[in-house]
Amino acid sequence: MRAMKITTNIPVPDIEQARPFWSDFLGLRDEEFNLGWVARFTDPDSGAHVQLVTGDRTSPADSQLSVHVDDVDAAYAEALAAGYEIVHPLTTEEWGVRRFLVRSPDGTVVNLVAHRS
């Protein structure tokens, strides 16, 4: 398993109210997606990005980071073998990703995710 990209997940009460700061002020103008409860804003030139999250739709806990991996099934097997706490099991979500959430030893909840081909 290899990490391809890491995205910071920022908890916000309302994505539309938070949008002007991230999009206008910080220049993260490209809205890559918006599912109502999670949206990613990206700088079109540098690729710098954040995800704003009001609350995870299917997981019992929100994640602080999303780590995009090349093989999420292998990552899940490694996490289980290492004995890490699985917060949300390996799931193919209706919005087009396969993912699971795991708690690191320091308590950080990490969303490991791969987009379906």
N, C-alpha and C. Protein backbone atom coordinates (compact mmCIF):
# COMPACT_ATOMS: atom_id res chain seq x y z
N MET A 1 0.84 -1.18 0.00
CA MET A 1 0.00 0.00 0.00
C MET A 1 0.88 1.24 0.00
N ARG A 2 0.51 2.22 -0.81
CA ARG A 2 1.28 3.44 -0.92
C ARG A 2 0.34 4.65 -0.82
N ALA A 3 0.69 5.63 0.01
CA ALA A 3 -0.09 6.87 0.11
C ALA A 3 0.16 7.70 -1.14
N MET A 4 -0.91 8.13 -1.80
CA MET A 4 -0.80 8.90 -3.03
C MET A 4 -1.02 10.40 -2.78
N LYS A 5 -1.88 10.73 -1.82
CA LYS A 5 -2.21 12.12 -1.52
C LYS A 5 -2.81 12.14 -0.12
N ILE A 6 -2.56 13.23 0.61
CA ILE A 6 -3.14 13.40 1.94
C ILE A 6 -3.94 14.70 1.95
N THR A 7 -5.16 14.61 2.46
CA THR A 7 -6.06 15.75 2.50
C THR A 7 -6.45 16.01 3.95
N THR A 8 -6.35 17.27 4.37
CA THR A 8 -6.80 17.67 5.69
C THR A 8 -8.31 17.81 5.68
N ASN A 9 -8.97 17.20 6.66
CA ASN A 9 -10.42 17.31 6.82
C ASN A 9 -10.69 18.30 7.96
N ILE A 10 -11.35 19.39 7.62
CA ILE A 10 -11.60 20.45 8.59
C ILE A 10 -13.07 20.43 8.98
N PRO A 11 -13.37 20.24 10.28
CA PRO A 11 -14.76 20.24 10.70
C PRO A 11 -15.34 21.66 10.65
N VAL A 12 -16.49 21.78 10.03
CA VAL A 12 -17.19 23.07 9.96
C VAL A 12 -18.67 22.81 10.22
N PRO A 13 -19.37 23.80 10.79
CA PRO A 13 -20.81 23.60 11.00
C PRO A 13 -21.62 23.72 9.71
N ASP A 14 -21.10 24.51 8.74
CA ASP A 14 -21.84 24.74 7.50
C ASP A 14 -20.85 25.03 6.37
N ILE A 15 -20.87 24.21 5.34
CA ILE A 15 -19.92 24.36 4.23
C ILE A 15 -20.12 25.67 3.49
N GLU A 16 -21.37 26.05 3.24
CA GLU A 16 -21.63 27.29 2.49
C GLU A 16 -21.17 28.52 3.25
N GLN A 17 -21.31 28.53 4.56
CA GLN A 17 -20.84 29.66 5.35
C GLN A 17 -19.31 29.70 5.39
N ALA A 18 -18.67 28.54 5.36
CA ALA A 18 -17.20 28.48 5.40
C ALA A 18 -16.56 28.78 4.05
N ARG A 19 -17.28 28.57 2.97
CA ARG A 19 -16.76 28.70 1.62
C ARG A 19 -15.99 30.00 1.34
N PRO A 20 -16.52 31.18 1.67
CA PRO A 20 -15.81 32.41 1.30
C PRO A 20 -14.38 32.50 1.84
N PHE A 21 -14.17 32.03 3.07
CA PHE A 21 -12.81 32.09 3.63
C PHE A 21 -11.87 31.21 2.82
N TRP A 22 -12.24 29.96 2.59
CA TRP A 22 -11.36 29.01 1.92
C TRP A 22 -11.24 29.29 0.43
N SER A 23 -12.34 29.62 -0.20
CA SER A 23 -12.36 29.81 -1.65
C SER A 23 -11.89 31.20 -2.06
N ASP A 24 -12.49 32.22 -1.50
CA ASP A 24 -12.17 33.60 -1.91
C ASP A 24 -10.88 34.10 -1.27
N PHE A 25 -10.80 34.05 0.06
CA PHE A 25 -9.65 34.59 0.77
C PHE A 25 -8.38 33.78 0.52
N LEU A 26 -8.45 32.46 0.65
CA LEU A 26 -7.25 31.63 0.49
C LEU A 26 -7.02 31.16 -0.94
N GLY A 27 -7.97 31.41 -1.83
CA GLY A 27 -7.78 31.09 -3.25
C GLY A 27 -7.97 29.64 -3.64
N LEU A 28 -8.62 28.86 -2.78
CA LEU A 28 -8.90 27.46 -3.12
C LEU A 28 -10.21 27.44 -3.91
N ARG A 29 -10.15 27.91 -5.13
CA ARG A 29 -11.34 28.22 -5.92
C ARG A 29 -12.02 27.04 -6.60
N ASP A 30 -11.28 25.99 -6.90
CA ASP A 30 -11.89 24.84 -7.58
C ASP A 30 -12.62 23.98 -6.56
N GLU A 31 -13.92 23.83 -6.73
CA GLU A 31 -14.69 22.93 -5.89
C GLU A 31 -14.70 21.58 -6.61
N GLU A 32 -13.85 20.67 -6.15
CA GLU A 32 -13.72 19.37 -6.81
C GLU A 32 -14.98 18.54 -6.66
N PHE A 33 -15.60 18.61 -5.49
CA PHE A 33 -16.88 17.94 -5.28
C PHE A 33 -17.53 18.55 -4.05
N ASN A 34 -18.83 18.36 -3.93
CA ASN A 34 -19.58 18.82 -2.77
C ASN A 34 -20.76 17.87 -2.60
N LEU A 35 -20.71 17.06 -1.55
CA LEU A 35 -21.78 16.10 -1.27
C LEU A 35 -22.75 16.63 -0.22
N GLY A 36 -22.61 17.90 0.12
CA GLY A 36 -23.47 18.49 1.14
C GLY A 36 -22.88 18.40 2.54
N TRP A 37 -22.26 17.27 2.85
CA TRP A 37 -21.64 17.08 4.16
C TRP A 37 -20.11 17.09 4.08
N VAL A 38 -19.58 17.02 2.86
CA VAL A 38 -18.13 17.11 2.63
C VAL A 38 -17.91 17.75 1.27
N ALA A 39 -16.95 18.67 1.23
CA ALA A 39 -16.60 19.35 -0.03
C ALA A 39 -15.10 19.60 -0.05
N ARG A 40 -14.48 19.46 -1.24
CA ARG A 40 -13.04 19.71 -1.38
C ARG A 40 -12.83 20.96 -2.22
N PHE A 41 -11.99 21.86 -1.69
CA PHE A 41 -11.63 23.09 -2.37
C PHE A 41 -10.14 23.08 -2.66
N THR A 42 -9.76 23.41 -3.90
CA THR A 42 -8.39 23.26 -4.37
C THR A 42 -7.92 24.51 -5.09
N ASP A 43 -6.64 24.84 -4.91
CA ASP A 43 -6.03 25.91 -5.70
C ASP A 43 -5.77 25.35 -7.10
N PRO A 44 -6.26 26.02 -8.14
CA PRO A 44 -6.12 25.47 -9.49
C PRO A 44 -4.68 25.39 -9.98
N ASP A 45 -3.80 26.19 -9.44
CA ASP A 45 -2.41 26.19 -9.90
C ASP A 45 -1.50 25.27 -9.08
N SER A 46 -1.61 25.36 -7.77
CA SER A 46 -0.67 24.60 -6.92
C SER A 46 -1.20 23.22 -6.54
N GLY A 47 -2.51 23.04 -6.56
CA GLY A 47 -3.08 21.78 -6.12
C GLY A 47 -3.31 21.71 -4.62
N ALA A 48 -2.92 22.77 -3.88
CA ALA A 48 -3.18 22.80 -2.44
C ALA A 48 -4.68 22.68 -2.22
N HIS A 49 -5.08 21.92 -1.20
CA HIS A 49 -6.50 21.66 -1.03
C HIS A 49 -6.85 21.35 0.43
N VAL A 50 -8.13 21.51 0.74
CA VAL A 50 -8.70 21.10 2.02
C VAL A 50 -10.07 20.50 1.75
N GLN A 51 -10.52 19.69 2.70
CA GLN A 51 -11.89 19.20 2.67
C GLN A 51 -12.60 19.76 3.88
N LEU A 52 -13.77 20.32 3.66
CA LEU A 52 -14.61 20.81 4.75
C LEU A 52 -15.66 19.73 5.01
N VAL A 53 -15.83 19.38 6.29
CA VAL A 53 -16.71 18.28 6.66
C VAL A 53 -17.65 18.73 7.78
N THR A 54 -18.96 18.53 7.56
CA THR A 54 -19.93 18.84 8.61
C THR A 54 -20.21 17.65 9.50
N GLY A 55 -19.89 16.46 9.04
CA GLY A 55 -20.11 15.22 9.79
C GLY A 55 -20.13 14.07 8.80
N ASP A 56 -19.38 13.04 9.07
CA ASP A 56 -19.29 11.92 8.14
C ASP A 56 -20.64 11.25 7.96
N ARG A 57 -21.01 10.98 6.75
CA ARG A 57 -22.34 10.43 6.45
C ARG A 57 -22.53 8.99 6.91
N THR A 58 -21.48 8.17 6.87
CA THR A 58 -21.67 6.75 7.20
C THR A 58 -20.80 6.26 8.36
N SER A 59 -19.80 7.01 8.76
CA SER A 59 -18.92 6.58 9.84
C SER A 59 -19.40 7.15 11.18
N PRO A 60 -19.21 6.39 12.26
CA PRO A 60 -19.60 6.91 13.57
C PRO A 60 -18.67 8.00 14.09
N ALA A 61 -17.51 8.20 13.45
CA ALA A 61 -16.57 9.24 13.86
C ALA A 61 -16.08 9.99 12.64
N ASP A 62 -15.77 11.26 12.83
CA ASP A 62 -15.18 12.07 11.76
C ASP A 62 -13.67 11.85 11.72
N SER A 63 -13.10 11.95 10.53
CA SER A 63 -11.65 11.79 10.39
C SER A 63 -10.98 13.16 10.31
N GLN A 64 -9.73 13.21 10.75
CA GLN A 64 -8.95 14.44 10.66
C GLN A 64 -8.18 14.51 9.34
N LEU A 65 -7.91 13.36 8.75
CA LEU A 65 -7.16 13.28 7.49
C LEU A 65 -7.80 12.25 6.59
N SER A 66 -7.69 12.48 5.29
CA SER A 66 -8.00 11.45 4.31
C SER A 66 -6.70 11.12 3.59
N VAL A 67 -6.33 9.85 3.60
CA VAL A 67 -5.13 9.40 2.92
C VAL A 67 -5.58 8.58 1.72
N HIS A 68 -5.31 9.09 0.54
CA HIS A 68 -5.67 8.42 -0.70
C HIS A 68 -4.57 7.40 -0.99
N VAL A 69 -4.95 6.13 -1.10
CA VAL A 69 -3.97 5.05 -1.25
C VAL A 69 -4.18 4.32 -2.57
N ASP A 70 -3.13 3.63 -3.00
CA ASP A 70 -3.22 2.89 -4.25
C ASP A 70 -3.92 1.54 -4.08
N ASP A 71 -3.94 0.99 -2.86
CA ASP A 71 -4.58 -0.31 -2.63
C ASP A 71 -5.23 -0.31 -1.24
N VAL A 72 -6.49 0.11 -1.19
CA VAL A 72 -7.17 0.23 0.09
C VAL A 72 -7.43 -1.12 0.74
N ASP A 73 -7.61 -2.16 -0.06
CA ASP A 73 -7.81 -3.50 0.51
C ASP A 73 -6.55 -3.97 1.23
N ALA A 74 -5.39 -3.73 0.63
CA ALA A 74 -4.12 -4.09 1.27
C ALA A 74 -3.92 -3.26 2.54
N ALA A 75 -4.27 -1.98 2.49
CA ALA A 75 -4.13 -1.12 3.67
C ALA A 75 -5.01 -1.63 4.81
N TYR A 76 -6.22 -2.07 4.48
CA TYR A 76 -7.13 -2.61 5.49
C TYR A 76 -6.55 -3.87 6.12
N ALA A 77 -6.02 -4.76 5.29
CA ALA A 77 -5.40 -5.98 5.81
C ALA A 77 -4.22 -5.66 6.73
N GLU A 78 -3.42 -4.67 6.35
CA GLU A 78 -2.27 -4.27 7.17
C GLU A 78 -2.73 -3.69 8.50
N ALA A 79 -3.78 -2.86 8.47
CA ALA A 79 -4.29 -2.24 9.70
C ALA A 79 -4.82 -3.32 10.65
N LEU A 80 -5.54 -4.29 10.11
CA LEU A 80 -6.05 -5.39 10.94
C LEU A 80 -4.89 -6.20 11.53
N ALA A 81 -3.92 -6.53 10.70
CA ALA A 81 -2.77 -7.32 11.16
C ALA A 81 -1.99 -6.60 12.26
N ALA A 82 -1.94 -5.26 12.16
CA ALA A 82 -1.21 -4.47 13.15
C ALA A 82 -2.02 -4.27 14.43
N GLY A 83 -3.29 -4.62 14.39
CA GLY A 83 -4.13 -4.48 15.58
C GLY A 83 -4.67 -3.08 15.81
N TYR A 84 -4.66 -2.25 14.79
CA TYR A 84 -5.20 -0.89 14.94
C TYR A 84 -6.72 -0.93 15.04
N GLU A 85 -7.26 0.03 15.77
CA GLU A 85 -8.72 0.11 15.93
C GLU A 85 -9.36 0.55 14.61
N ILE A 86 -10.26 -0.24 14.10
CA ILE A 86 -11.02 0.11 12.90
C ILE A 86 -12.27 0.86 13.36
N VAL A 87 -12.39 2.10 12.95
CA VAL A 87 -13.50 2.95 13.35
C VAL A 87 -14.70 2.73 12.43
N HIS A 88 -14.43 2.51 11.16
CA HIS A 88 -15.46 2.26 10.14
C HIS A 88 -14.90 1.19 9.21
N PRO A 89 -15.61 0.08 9.02
CA PRO A 89 -15.06 -1.04 8.25
C PRO A 89 -14.87 -0.71 6.77
N LEU A 90 -14.09 -1.53 6.11
CA LEU A 90 -13.87 -1.38 4.68
C LEU A 90 -15.22 -1.44 3.96
N THR A 91 -15.53 -0.37 3.25
CA THR A 91 -16.86 -0.21 2.64
C THR A 91 -16.72 0.44 1.28
N THR A 92 -17.49 -0.03 0.32
CA THR A 92 -17.62 0.67 -0.96
C THR A 92 -18.82 1.60 -0.81
N GLU A 93 -18.55 2.90 -0.80
CA GLU A 93 -19.59 3.89 -0.54
C GLU A 93 -20.32 4.25 -1.82
N GLU A 94 -21.56 4.67 -1.69
CA GLU A 94 -22.40 5.00 -2.85
C GLU A 94 -21.88 6.18 -3.65
N TRP A 95 -21.02 7.02 -3.06
CA TRP A 95 -20.51 8.18 -3.78
C TRP A 95 -19.21 7.89 -4.53
N GLY A 96 -18.84 6.63 -4.65
CA GLY A 96 -17.78 6.26 -5.56
C GLY A 96 -16.42 6.01 -4.98
N VAL A 97 -16.31 5.78 -3.69
CA VAL A 97 -15.02 5.46 -3.09
C VAL A 97 -15.12 4.15 -2.31
N ARG A 98 -13.97 3.53 -2.11
CA ARG A 98 -13.84 2.38 -1.21
C ARG A 98 -12.94 2.87 -0.10
N ARG A 99 -13.36 2.69 1.15
CA ARG A 99 -12.61 3.28 2.26
C ARG A 99 -12.85 2.57 3.56
N PHE A 100 -11.99 2.91 4.54
CA PHE A 100 -12.21 2.53 5.93
C PHE A 100 -11.57 3.62 6.78
N LEU A 101 -12.01 3.70 8.03
CA LEU A 101 -11.43 4.65 8.97
C LEU A 101 -10.74 3.88 10.08
N VAL A 102 -9.56 4.33 10.43
CA VAL A 102 -8.73 3.67 11.44
C VAL A 102 -8.22 4.73 12.42
N ARG A 103 -8.09 4.34 13.68
CA ARG A 103 -7.55 5.26 14.69
C ARG A 103 -6.06 4.97 14.87
N SER A 104 -5.25 6.00 14.74
CA SER A 104 -3.81 5.84 14.95
C SER A 104 -3.55 5.71 16.46
N PRO A 105 -2.37 5.23 16.85
CA PRO A 105 -2.08 5.09 18.28
C PRO A 105 -2.19 6.39 19.06
N ASP A 106 -2.02 7.55 18.39
CA ASP A 106 -2.15 8.83 19.09
C ASP A 106 -3.59 9.33 19.15
N GLY A 107 -4.53 8.57 18.56
CA GLY A 107 -5.93 8.93 18.62
C GLY A 107 -6.49 9.60 17.38
N THR A 108 -5.65 9.92 16.41
CA THR A 108 -6.10 10.56 15.17
C THR A 108 -6.90 9.56 14.34
N VAL A 109 -8.08 9.98 13.90
CA VAL A 109 -8.89 9.13 13.03
C VAL A 109 -8.53 9.46 11.59
N VAL A 110 -8.13 8.42 10.84
CA VAL A 110 -7.66 8.59 9.47
C VAL A 110 -8.59 7.82 8.53
N ASN A 111 -9.03 8.49 7.49
CA ASN A 111 -9.86 7.91 6.43
C ASN A 111 -8.91 7.43 5.32
N LEU A 112 -8.79 6.13 5.14
CA LEU A 112 -7.98 5.59 4.04
C LEU A 112 -8.93 5.29 2.90
N VAL A 113 -8.65 5.84 1.72
CA VAL A 113 -9.64 5.86 0.65
C VAL A 113 -8.99 5.62 -0.71
N ALA A 114 -9.75 4.97 -1.59
CA ALA A 114 -9.36 4.81 -2.99
C ALA A 114 -10.63 5.01 -3.82
N HIS A 115 -10.48 5.71 -4.92
CA HIS A 115 -11.61 5.89 -5.83
C HIS A 115 -11.76 4.65 -6.69
N ARG A 116 -13.00 4.25 -6.89
CA ARG A 116 -13.25 3.09 -7.74
C ARG A 116 -12.86 3.42 -9.17
N SER A 117 -12.33 2.45 -9.87
CA SER A 117 -11.92 2.66 -11.26
C SER A 117 -13.10 2.55 -12.17
